[in-house]
Amino acid sequence: MAMPPYFFLSYPRAIGTKIEVFKKDLEQKMLGQTPPPGRGYLVTFDRDIPQGNDWQTCLGVGLQTDKVLLAVLDARYFRPDSDCGKELTAFIRRHKSVRVDGEGCLVGLTNILPVLWQKEEAIRNNIPPILRRIEDVPPIAGIKNAVARYTEKGMENCVKRGRVYYEDLIDAFADAIRQMPDLDPEPGIDFARLENAFDYDWSILPKESSTAPPPVQREPLGPGALAVFYMMPRLLPGSGRQASFADVFVIEAAFGTPRTASDAGVALLRTIQAAAMLEGRETFHYALPPALLANPSGFVTSLAALQPRNVLTMLVIDPIVWPGGPGSPDAATVDSVVLSEDWLGPVILPDLAGTPAPSAAQCDGIAKRVGRRVLRLAGDETSMISQLRPVLVTERGRVVYAARIGAPASERPPALQGVREGDA
């Protein structure tokens, strides 16, 4: 006998109220096509847990027995303080034949259905390797316009009752859930003991042999991209793979960062990536080789390489190498980079690894001297994300403005505009 189409709604808890509308409409659609389940509900959803119940036990039942994990992906889904990673782990462990390929992607996951809550451009490059081989876009047959809106705007901006595209997408997700194969229950799953899937070393799984060519490496292009350069050799050594446009090393996405990197460095990457995703930016991370510290002109060339592509660049400097820090190079080297007019973007000075950054007042003074935004980044992850988001908005505006001024009229990108009445 086939399993009832129970599904577990896994989502970041601060995602907002539209998730409740989405859940209710999807459940109602499936109840209209499926006999009512014996337990009285189709969806395991934490906001439906009655007051006074043990929420871990209630969620644990769904993790042990539900047929499908519906993973609602936005920047907050991948944060280390989110329970989403634990929920994902539970379903991964229920797939007994799961393997890992040479790129760190999990293979053989048949009952995990991702939903892009944000637009595809913002989230695609930030999805961790373990999920990258799972299709997250519905088939376009018969609903091409709905799928185009979904990828362009994200599901959050498609939740509008009465719109044809929304009903088409609800139908597509309901069909996908029903068509997924049965998944054996796992009674031994204990929510409190689950690991975070985004921190766990899945390389211990059996390997998938593959002769497929390596994937094409994406590069930053246009004002929707953010390129973050890290002058942090003690924390983020890079992957050893050099970028094609400059003498810098690619740092793999924050959820696959080499284990030689420090916890502080990984946490900083994740914080910047989360802030960028919330602002709809596709993020690329690059480590500056230590040799560039002795070659300011080469350093500036690397930072300026993306200027013609209208990409927002950001320079993150370890306070240990800031002038006056215990590991600082010649102050003139850092000054020549920060003062250069050949690249646009802010300088970020994080408090990390036991080395405090200059104070906020000192950073303001530095900013006035160098003529660019200098941000002291401090506090917990939530606070740092709140500090970064307005900087990303302002600095992106500068990049777009510079592109408009410097290009022929026929080639200038459109000006930034707010949403006009009737555009929503």
Protein backbone atom coordinates (compact mmCIF):
# COMPACT_ATOMS: atom_id res chain seq x y z
CA MET A 1 0.00 0.00 0.00
CA ALA A 2 1.40 3.40 -1.00
CA MET A 3 2.31 5.90 1.71
CA PRO A 4 -0.08 8.82 2.28
CA PRO A 5 1.44 11.99 0.80
CA TYR A 6 2.40 13.45 4.18
CA PHE A 7 5.02 16.16 3.85
CA PHE A 8 7.23 18.05 6.29
CA LEU A 9 7.46 21.80 5.72
CA SER A 10 11.04 22.82 6.52
CA TYR A 11 11.55 26.58 6.49
CA PRO A 12 13.44 29.33 8.37
CA ARG A 13 11.32 30.35 11.35
CA ALA A 14 11.61 34.10 10.63
CA ILE A 15 10.36 33.77 7.07
CA GLY A 16 7.09 35.70 7.53
CA THR A 17 3.39 34.97 7.18
CA LYS A 18 3.23 34.13 3.48
CA ILE A 19 4.54 30.67 4.33
CA GLU A 20 1.28 30.02 6.18
CA VAL A 21 -0.75 30.94 3.10
CA PHE A 22 1.45 28.75 0.90
CA LYS A 23 1.16 25.82 3.32
CA LYS A 24 -2.62 26.10 3.62
CA ASP A 25 -3.21 26.38 -0.12
CA LEU A 26 -0.89 23.47 -0.92
CA GLU A 27 -2.50 21.29 1.74
CA GLN A 28 -6.02 22.16 0.58
CA LYS A 29 -5.07 21.38 -3.02
CA MET A 30 -3.78 17.96 -2.00
CA LEU A 31 -6.73 17.20 0.29
CA GLY A 32 -9.02 17.90 -2.65
CA GLN A 33 -7.27 15.18 -4.63
CA THR A 34 -6.33 12.79 -1.81
CA PRO A 35 -8.50 10.97 0.76
CA PRO A 36 -8.13 12.61 4.20
CA PRO A 37 -5.21 10.99 6.05
CA GLY A 38 -5.82 8.90 9.12
CA ARG A 39 -3.90 11.30 11.33
CA GLY A 40 -6.10 14.22 10.30
CA TYR A 41 -3.54 16.42 8.57
CA LEU A 42 -1.14 16.19 5.66
CA VAL A 43 1.54 18.71 6.64
CA THR A 44 3.93 18.71 9.58
CA PHE A 45 4.17 22.44 10.26
CA ASP A 46 5.54 23.82 13.50
CA ARG A 47 3.06 26.69 13.62
CA ASP A 48 0.22 24.15 13.83
CA ILE A 49 1.56 22.48 16.99
CA PRO A 50 -0.98 23.01 19.82
CA GLN A 51 0.14 25.14 22.73
CA GLY A 52 1.50 23.04 25.56
CA ASN A 53 2.74 20.19 23.35
CA ASP A 54 6.38 19.12 23.14
CA TRP A 55 7.38 20.66 19.82
CA GLN A 56 10.48 18.47 19.38
CA THR A 57 8.38 15.32 19.80
CA CYS A 58 5.74 16.60 17.35
CA LEU A 59 8.33 17.50 14.74
CA GLY A 60 10.14 14.22 15.39
CA VAL A 61 7.05 12.22 14.37
CA GLY A 62 6.99 13.98 10.99
CA LEU A 63 10.73 13.58 10.47
CA GLN A 64 10.40 9.85 11.17
CA THR A 65 7.35 9.12 9.02
CA ASP A 66 6.50 11.86 6.48
CA LYS A 67 6.98 10.96 2.85
CA VAL A 68 8.53 14.22 1.59
CA LEU A 69 10.62 17.09 2.97
CA LEU A 70 9.53 20.37 1.37
CA ALA A 71 12.62 22.57 1.85
CA VAL A 72 11.77 26.28 1.52
CA LEU A 73 15.11 27.85 0.59
CA ASP A 74 16.14 31.38 1.34
CA ALA A 75 19.25 32.87 2.93
CA ARG A 76 18.14 32.01 6.46
CA TYR A 77 17.64 28.32 5.66
CA PHE A 78 21.39 27.67 5.70
CA ARG A 79 22.25 29.57 8.88
CA PRO A 80 23.96 27.50 11.60
CA ASP A 81 21.44 28.60 14.25
CA SER A 82 18.50 27.34 12.14
CA ASP A 83 16.81 23.98 12.75
CA CYS A 84 16.46 23.51 8.98
CA GLY A 85 19.81 21.75 8.75
CA LYS A 86 18.71 19.21 11.37
CA GLU A 87 15.42 18.57 9.55
CA LEU A 88 17.32 18.03 6.31
CA THR A 89 19.68 15.58 8.04
CA ALA A 90 16.75 13.47 9.20
CA PHE A 91 15.50 12.98 5.64
CA ILE A 92 18.99 12.40 4.23
CA ARG A 93 19.50 9.59 6.75
CA ARG A 94 16.24 7.96 5.68
CA HIS A 95 17.64 7.55 2.15
CA LYS A 96 19.64 4.36 2.62
CA SER A 97 21.37 4.44 -0.78
CA VAL A 98 22.58 8.07 -0.63
CA ARG A 99 26.09 8.67 -1.99
CA VAL A 100 28.39 11.64 -2.53
CA ASP A 101 29.96 12.67 -5.82
CA GLY A 102 33.32 14.28 -6.50
CA GLU A 103 31.87 17.78 -6.08
CA GLY A 104 30.42 17.08 -2.64
CA CYS A 105 26.87 16.75 -3.98
CA LEU A 106 24.60 14.12 -2.47
CA VAL A 107 23.22 11.59 -4.94
CA GLY A 108 20.15 9.41 -4.51
CA LEU A 109 17.90 11.83 -2.61
CA THR A 110 14.45 11.10 -4.03
CA ASN A 111 12.10 12.62 -1.44
CA ILE A 112 13.44 16.14 -0.86
CA LEU A 113 11.63 18.88 -2.78
CA PRO A 114 13.33 22.31 -2.72
CA VAL A 115 11.28 25.49 -3.15
CA LEU A 116 13.13 28.67 -4.11
CA TRP A 117 11.57 31.22 -1.78
CA GLN A 118 13.87 33.90 -3.18
CA LYS A 119 14.53 34.58 -6.85
CA GLU A 120 16.79 32.09 -8.61
CA GLU A 121 19.53 34.61 -9.40
CA ALA A 122 19.98 35.46 -5.72
CA ILE A 123 20.11 31.94 -4.35
CA ARG A 124 21.44 29.65 -7.09
CA ASN A 125 25.17 30.07 -6.43
CA ASN A 126 24.63 29.94 -2.68
CA ILE A 127 22.88 26.60 -2.45
CA PRO A 128 25.30 24.26 -0.65
CA PRO A 129 26.80 21.37 -2.60
CA ILE A 130 24.76 18.70 -0.82
CA LEU A 131 21.58 20.02 -2.49
CA ARG A 132 22.87 21.04 -5.90
CA ARG A 133 21.83 17.90 -7.78
CA ILE A 134 18.20 18.17 -6.70
CA GLU A 135 15.99 19.93 -9.27
CA ASP A 136 14.28 22.91 -7.66
CA VAL A 137 12.27 24.28 -10.60
CA PRO A 138 8.94 22.69 -11.67
CA PRO A 139 8.64 21.30 -15.23
CA ILE A 140 7.61 24.09 -17.58
CA ALA A 141 5.18 22.02 -19.67
CA GLY A 142 1.91 23.94 -19.77
CA ILE A 143 2.96 26.47 -17.09
CA LYS A 144 5.87 28.26 -18.74
CA ASN A 145 4.80 31.73 -17.55
CA ALA A 146 4.31 30.58 -13.97
CA VAL A 147 7.74 28.94 -13.85
CA ALA A 148 9.36 32.04 -15.35
CA ARG A 149 7.83 34.18 -12.60
CA TYR A 150 8.92 31.65 -9.96
CA THR A 151 12.57 31.74 -11.06
CA GLU A 152 12.58 35.51 -11.61
CA LYS A 153 10.88 36.57 -8.37
CA GLY A 154 10.94 33.56 -6.03
CA MET A 155 7.97 31.72 -4.56
CA GLU A 156 7.46 34.32 -1.84
CA ASN A 157 6.50 36.86 -4.51
CA CYS A 158 4.22 34.35 -6.25
CA VAL A 159 1.96 33.71 -3.24
CA LYS A 160 -1.06 35.66 -4.49
CA ARG A 161 -4.42 33.96 -4.33
CA GLY A 162 -6.52 34.25 -7.45
CA ARG A 163 -3.54 34.58 -9.79
CA VAL A 164 -3.28 31.89 -12.44
CA TYR A 165 0.48 31.56 -12.04
CA TYR A 166 0.08 30.88 -8.30
CA GLU A 167 -2.52 28.17 -8.86
CA ASP A 168 -0.30 26.60 -11.53
CA LEU A 169 2.65 26.48 -9.13
CA ILE A 170 0.55 25.00 -6.32
CA ASP A 171 -0.62 22.31 -8.74
CA ALA A 172 2.99 21.59 -9.76
CA PHE A 173 4.20 21.17 -6.18
CA ALA A 174 1.21 19.01 -5.27
CA ASP A 175 1.89 16.76 -8.28
CA ALA A 176 5.58 16.49 -7.38
CA ILE A 177 4.77 15.42 -3.80
CA ARG A 178 2.25 12.81 -4.92
CA GLN A 179 4.60 11.35 -7.53
CA MET A 180 7.57 10.87 -5.19
CA PRO A 181 8.30 7.26 -4.20
CA ASP A 182 7.58 5.81 -0.77
CA LEU A 183 10.26 6.42 1.86
CA ASP A 184 10.81 3.95 4.68
CA PRO A 185 10.05 5.35 8.15
CA GLU A 186 12.92 5.72 10.64
CA PRO A 187 11.54 5.43 14.20
CA GLY A 188 14.93 6.02 15.81
CA ILE A 189 15.30 9.66 14.71
CA ASP A 190 15.74 11.97 17.71
CA PHE A 191 15.39 15.65 16.78
CA ALA A 192 17.59 16.81 19.67
CA ARG A 193 20.49 14.62 18.52
CA LEU A 194 20.41 15.43 14.81
CA GLU A 195 23.46 17.09 13.23
CA ASN A 196 23.20 20.23 11.11
CA ALA A 197 23.40 19.02 7.51
CA PHE A 198 25.39 22.09 6.49
CA ASP A 199 28.16 21.44 9.03
CA TYR A 200 28.31 17.66 8.77
CA ASP A 201 31.12 15.94 6.84
CA TRP A 202 29.15 13.98 4.21
CA SER A 203 32.37 12.89 2.52
CA ILE A 204 32.28 9.76 4.70
CA LEU A 205 29.42 8.44 2.55
CA PRO A 206 30.06 5.97 -0.30
CA LYS A 207 31.44 7.70 -3.38
CA GLU A 208 29.70 7.88 -6.72
CA SER A 209 32.01 7.10 -9.61
CA SER A 210 31.57 9.58 -12.44
CA THR A 211 33.21 10.36 -15.76
CA ALA A 212 31.20 13.55 -16.23
CA PRO A 213 33.21 16.69 -17.07
CA PRO A 214 33.70 19.19 -14.24
CA PRO A 215 30.95 21.80 -13.97
CA VAL A 216 31.41 25.20 -15.58
CA GLN A 217 32.55 27.67 -12.94
CA ARG A 218 30.35 30.72 -12.73
CA GLU A 219 31.89 34.17 -12.47
CA PRO A 220 30.46 37.47 -11.24
CA LEU A 221 28.74 39.58 -13.87
CA GLY A 222 26.47 42.62 -13.57
CA PRO A 223 25.14 44.61 -10.60
CA GLY A 224 23.27 41.57 -9.28
CA ALA A 225 26.61 39.99 -8.30
CA LEU A 226 28.77 40.65 -5.26
CA ALA A 227 32.49 39.78 -5.29
CA VAL A 228 34.01 39.65 -1.82
CA PHE A 229 37.81 39.76 -1.55
CA TYR A 230 39.33 38.64 1.73
CA MET A 231 42.70 39.90 2.98
CA MET A 232 42.66 37.22 5.66
CA PRO A 233 45.46 34.71 4.93
CA ARG A 234 45.42 33.21 8.44
CA LEU A 235 41.69 32.42 8.27
CA LEU A 236 40.72 31.80 4.64
CA PRO A 237 43.48 30.28 2.53
CA GLY A 238 41.31 29.67 -0.55
CA SER A 239 40.76 26.50 -2.54
CA GLY A 240 43.87 26.59 -4.71
CA ARG A 241 41.70 27.22 -7.81
CA GLN A 242 42.58 30.56 -9.35
CA ALA A 243 39.97 32.92 -10.73
CA SER A 244 40.22 33.59 -14.45
CA PHE A 245 39.98 37.37 -14.15
CA ALA A 246 42.61 38.12 -11.49
CA ASP A 247 45.44 36.73 -9.41
CA VAL A 248 43.16 35.57 -6.60
CA PHE A 249 41.99 32.19 -5.35
CA VAL A 250 38.38 31.10 -5.30
CA ILE A 251 36.94 30.30 -1.88
CA GLU A 252 34.31 27.64 -2.30
CA ALA A 253 30.81 28.55 -1.14
CA ALA A 254 30.58 28.97 2.61
CA PHE A 255 28.95 25.57 2.98
CA GLY A 256 31.90 23.70 1.50
CA THR A 257 34.74 25.82 2.73
CA PRO A 258 38.01 23.88 3.02
CA ARG A 259 38.48 22.45 6.49
CA THR A 260 41.80 24.22 6.75
CA ALA A 261 39.83 27.43 7.16
CA SER A 262 39.06 28.57 10.69
CA ASP A 263 35.63 28.52 12.25
CA ALA A 264 35.80 32.31 12.51
CA GLY A 265 36.52 32.63 8.80
CA VAL A 266 33.70 30.27 7.82
CA ALA A 267 31.25 32.09 10.12
CA LEU A 268 32.17 35.42 8.52
CA LEU A 269 31.66 34.01 5.02
CA ARG A 270 28.25 32.70 5.98
CA THR A 271 27.23 36.00 7.51
CA ILE A 272 28.20 38.00 4.42
CA GLN A 273 26.56 35.44 2.16
CA ALA A 274 23.32 35.50 4.15
CA ALA A 275 23.15 39.31 4.04
CA ALA A 276 23.80 39.32 0.29
CA MET A 277 21.17 36.67 -0.37
CA LEU A 278 18.58 38.66 1.56
CA GLU A 279 19.36 41.59 -0.75
CA GLY A 280 19.09 39.40 -3.85
CA ARG A 281 22.82 39.33 -4.59
CA GLU A 282 24.69 36.32 -5.99
CA THR A 283 27.89 36.09 -3.96
CA PHE A 284 31.41 35.06 -4.99
CA HIS A 285 34.26 34.77 -2.48
CA TYR A 286 37.98 35.24 -3.25
CA ALA A 287 41.11 34.94 -1.12
CA LEU A 288 43.96 37.32 -1.82
CA PRO A 289 47.31 35.47 -1.82
CA PRO A 290 49.77 36.67 0.84
CA ALA A 291 52.20 37.64 -1.93
CA LEU A 292 49.82 40.39 -2.99
CA LEU A 293 50.32 42.12 0.36
CA ALA A 294 53.78 43.07 -0.86
CA ASN A 295 52.50 44.17 -4.27
CA PRO A 296 49.86 46.88 -3.88
CA SER A 297 49.59 47.52 -7.62
CA GLY A 298 48.79 43.86 -8.28
CA PHE A 299 46.36 43.93 -5.38
CA VAL A 300 44.49 46.91 -6.85
CA THR A 301 44.48 45.29 -10.30
CA SER A 302 42.73 42.25 -8.83
CA LEU A 303 40.10 44.40 -7.12
CA ALA A 304 39.58 46.54 -10.22
CA ALA A 305 39.26 43.58 -12.60
CA LEU A 306 35.49 43.37 -12.14
CA GLN A 307 34.83 47.10 -12.55
CA PRO A 308 34.07 46.80 -16.29
CA ARG A 309 31.53 44.08 -15.48
CA ASN A 310 29.57 46.45 -13.18
CA VAL A 311 30.07 44.07 -10.24
CA LEU A 312 29.94 45.34 -6.66
CA THR A 313 33.22 44.51 -4.93
CA MET A 314 33.84 44.37 -1.20
CA LEU A 315 37.20 44.14 0.56
CA VAL A 316 37.28 42.38 3.94
CA ILE A 317 40.46 43.00 5.92
CA ASP A 318 41.52 40.95 8.92
CA PRO A 319 42.23 43.46 11.72
CA ILE A 320 45.51 41.66 12.31
CA VAL A 321 46.85 43.08 9.02
CA TRP A 322 45.24 46.51 9.34
CA PRO A 323 47.89 49.19 9.92
CA GLY A 324 48.92 48.92 13.55
CA GLY A 325 47.72 45.32 13.92
CA PRO A 326 50.10 42.66 15.27
CA GLY A 327 50.56 41.07 11.86
CA SER A 328 50.31 44.23 9.81
CA PRO A 329 52.30 44.71 6.60
CA ASP A 330 53.67 48.10 5.78
CA ALA A 331 50.85 50.58 6.42
CA ALA A 332 51.58 52.20 3.08
CA THR A 333 50.61 48.97 1.28
CA VAL A 334 47.14 48.84 2.79
CA ASP A 335 46.72 52.59 2.39
CA SER A 336 47.55 52.47 -1.31
CA VAL A 337 44.89 49.80 -1.85
CA VAL A 338 42.16 51.44 0.18
CA LEU A 339 42.88 54.89 -1.26
CA SER A 340 42.91 53.69 -4.88
CA GLU A 341 40.24 55.16 -7.18
CA ASP A 342 40.49 52.19 -9.55
CA TRP A 343 37.88 50.10 -7.73
CA LEU A 344 34.50 50.78 -6.14
CA GLY A 345 33.16 49.23 -2.99
CA PRO A 346 33.29 49.25 0.79
CA VAL A 347 35.98 48.06 3.18
CA ILE A 348 34.82 45.76 5.98
CA LEU A 349 36.80 45.47 9.21
CA PRO A 350 35.39 42.57 11.24
CA ASP A 351 35.88 41.85 14.91
CA LEU A 352 37.11 38.27 14.88
CA ALA A 353 39.59 35.70 16.11
CA GLY A 354 40.47 37.66 19.21
CA THR A 355 41.66 40.72 17.29
CA PRO A 356 39.35 43.73 17.61
CA ALA A 357 38.78 45.99 14.65
CA PRO A 358 39.13 49.76 14.93
CA SER A 359 36.17 51.35 16.70
CA ALA A 360 33.14 52.64 14.81
CA ALA A 361 34.30 56.21 15.35
CA GLN A 362 37.77 55.34 14.01
CA CYS A 363 36.18 53.66 10.96
CA ASP A 364 34.13 56.80 10.29
CA GLY A 365 37.33 58.84 10.43
CA ILE A 366 39.07 56.42 8.08
CA ALA A 367 36.13 56.61 5.67
CA LYS A 368 36.37 60.41 5.51
CA ARG A 369 40.09 60.16 4.80
CA VAL A 370 39.91 57.47 2.12
CA GLY A 371 36.65 58.50 0.46
CA ARG A 372 34.88 55.12 0.66
CA ARG A 373 32.61 53.32 3.12
CA VAL A 374 34.51 51.64 5.97
CA LEU A 375 32.34 49.43 8.18
CA ARG A 376 33.31 47.95 11.51
CA LEU A 377 31.47 44.62 11.63
CA ALA A 378 30.77 43.38 15.14
CA GLY A 379 28.14 41.56 17.20
CA ASP A 380 26.28 38.31 16.65
CA GLU A 381 25.30 37.01 13.23
CA THR A 382 21.89 38.67 13.20
CA SER A 383 23.39 42.03 14.15
CA MET A 384 26.12 41.79 11.51
CA ILE A 385 23.58 40.91 8.81
CA SER A 386 21.59 44.01 9.80
CA GLN A 387 24.73 46.13 9.52
CA LEU A 388 25.67 44.74 6.11
CA ARG A 389 22.32 44.92 4.30
CA PRO A 390 22.03 48.73 4.03
CA VAL A 391 25.67 48.92 2.94
CA LEU A 392 24.96 46.47 0.11
CA VAL A 393 21.97 48.52 -1.04
CA THR A 394 23.86 51.83 -0.99
CA GLU A 395 27.01 50.49 -2.63
CA ARG A 396 25.08 48.72 -5.38
CA GLY A 397 23.49 52.07 -6.17
CA ARG A 398 26.95 53.57 -6.55
CA VAL A 399 27.99 50.83 -8.98
CA VAL A 400 24.88 51.33 -11.10
CA TYR A 401 25.35 55.11 -11.05
CA ALA A 402 29.00 54.80 -12.07
CA ALA A 403 28.03 52.50 -14.93
CA ARG A 404 25.39 54.95 -16.13
CA ILE A 405 27.79 57.89 -16.06
CA GLY A 406 30.66 56.04 -17.74
CA ALA A 407 28.79 54.26 -20.53
CA PRO A 408 27.20 55.51 -23.76
CA ALA A 409 23.50 56.19 -23.33
CA SER A 410 22.55 53.15 -25.40
CA GLU A 411 24.55 50.85 -23.10
CA ARG A 412 23.64 52.26 -19.69
CA PRO A 413 21.81 49.99 -17.26
CA PRO A 414 18.39 51.14 -16.04
CA ALA A 415 18.25 53.44 -13.05
CA LEU A 416 17.24 52.00 -9.68
CA GLN A 417 13.52 52.58 -9.13
CA GLY A 418 11.06 51.68 -6.47
CA VAL A 419 8.06 49.49 -7.16
CA ARG A 420 5.37 51.50 -8.86
CA GLU A 421 1.68 51.03 -8.18
CA GLY A 422 0.39 48.14 -10.29
CA ASP A 423 3.83 46.50 -10.72
CA ALA A 424 3.35 43.97 -7.90
